[in-house]
Amino acid sequence: MSLQRRPNLPPFIRDENGHIPMADETANWLVIVTREALEGVASPPDASEERLLEYVEMFGQVATYKLEHGRAGKEETIWVQMEDVAEWRSARSGL
């Protein structure tokens, strides 16, 4: 049940958060990446559109992980916070 980026709908920043339009085989999803997650994913801290685009695939994998574990939000949204990135990285290192 992997999420894929939606064609012709690029990621964007709004209200300090990154937004990534994605879809799985049954629904369209909006992945919302918090400012803290954007800043905390790499050094130096940066919450720009460039950072969002640089890590868009990773944020999509984190969102897929949350969806697979039943932690998606209401109305087809998935919030990605820094804690989610850390949990996903930890789970991947255990593989």
Protein backbone atom coordinates (compact mmCIF):
# COMPACT_ATOMS: atom_id res chain seq x y z
CA MET A 1 0.00 0.00 0.00
CA SER A 2 2.78 2.39 -0.94
CA LEU A 3 1.97 6.04 -1.46
CA GLN A 4 3.03 7.65 -4.72
CA ARG A 5 3.30 11.33 -5.58
CA ARG A 6 0.37 12.58 -7.64
CA PRO A 7 1.38 13.65 -11.15
CA ASN A 8 1.06 17.32 -12.01
CA LEU A 9 0.62 18.29 -8.33
CA PRO A 10 4.00 19.45 -7.00
CA PRO A 11 4.89 19.65 -3.30
CA PHE A 12 4.53 23.12 -1.79
CA ILE A 13 4.92 25.09 1.45
CA ARG A 14 1.90 26.69 3.09
CA ASP A 15 1.53 28.03 6.63
CA GLU A 16 5.09 26.91 7.54
CA ASN A 17 4.34 23.28 6.67
CA GLY A 18 5.24 21.25 3.62
CA HIS A 19 2.41 19.65 1.63
CA ILE A 20 2.87 16.65 -0.64
CA PRO A 21 -0.09 15.47 -2.75
CA MET A 22 0.06 11.65 -2.81
CA ALA A 23 -2.18 8.68 -3.58
CA ASP A 24 -2.47 4.96 -3.00
CA GLU A 25 -4.63 2.53 -4.95
CA THR A 26 -7.81 3.62 -3.15
CA ALA A 27 -7.54 7.30 -2.20
CA ASN A 28 -5.82 10.62 -2.69
CA TRP A 29 -3.84 11.77 0.35
CA LEU A 30 -2.28 15.02 1.45
CA VAL A 31 0.92 14.50 3.41
CA ILE A 32 1.60 17.48 5.66
CA VAL A 33 5.19 17.78 6.85
CA THR A 34 5.58 20.00 9.91
CA ARG A 35 8.10 22.81 10.02
CA GLU A 36 9.93 20.97 12.79
CA ALA A 37 10.28 17.86 10.63
CA LEU A 38 11.58 19.94 7.71
CA GLU A 39 14.10 21.66 9.96
CA GLY A 40 15.12 18.54 11.85
CA VAL A 41 15.69 16.11 8.99
CA ALA A 42 19.13 17.55 8.13
CA SER A 43 21.60 20.19 9.21
CA PRO A 44 21.52 23.15 9.12
CA PRO A 45 17.84 23.52 10.07
CA ASP A 46 15.82 24.67 7.06
CA ALA A 47 12.10 24.71 6.38
CA SER A 48 12.31 25.80 2.76
CA GLU A 49 10.68 24.41 -0.35
CA GLU A 50 14.15 23.26 -1.42
CA ARG A 51 14.44 21.10 1.72
CA LEU A 52 10.96 19.70 1.09
CA LEU A 53 11.88 18.78 -2.47
CA GLU A 54 15.22 17.30 -1.41
CA TYR A 55 13.55 14.95 1.09
CA VAL A 56 10.17 14.46 -0.60
CA GLU A 57 10.73 10.73 -1.22
CA MET A 58 11.75 10.12 2.38
CA PHE A 59 8.73 12.01 3.71
CA GLY A 60 6.55 9.89 1.41
CA GLN A 61 8.08 6.72 2.88
CA VAL A 62 7.43 7.98 6.41
CA ALA A 63 3.80 8.71 5.45
CA THR A 64 3.47 5.23 3.94
CA TYR A 65 4.84 3.76 7.19
CA LYS A 66 2.25 5.69 9.21
CA LEU A 67 -0.56 4.63 6.85
CA GLU A 68 0.48 0.97 7.06
CA HIS A 69 0.42 1.20 10.86
CA GLY A 70 -3.08 2.73 10.98
CA ARG A 71 -1.91 6.20 11.92
CA ALA A 72 -3.35 8.30 9.12
CA GLY A 73 -5.44 11.34 9.92
CA LYS A 74 -8.99 12.25 9.06
CA GLU A 75 -10.03 13.41 5.61
CA GLU A 76 -7.15 11.63 3.83
CA THR A 77 -4.37 13.56 5.57
CA ILE A 78 -1.17 12.20 7.05
CA TRP A 79 0.86 14.50 9.28
CA VAL A 80 4.60 13.85 9.39
CA GLN A 81 6.28 15.17 12.51
CA MET A 82 9.93 14.90 13.56
CA GLU A 83 8.99 12.07 15.95
CA ASP A 84 7.58 10.12 12.99
CA VAL A 85 10.81 10.57 11.02
CA ALA A 86 12.84 9.34 14.01
CA GLU A 87 10.54 6.31 14.48
CA TRP A 88 10.72 5.45 10.77
CA ARG A 89 14.52 5.73 10.77
CA SER A 90 14.70 3.53 13.86
CA ALA A 91 12.44 0.89 12.30
CA ARG A 92 14.54 0.89 9.11
CA SER A 93 17.79 0.49 11.01
CA GLY A 94 16.38 -2.66 12.62
CA LEU A 95 15.87 -4.35 9.24
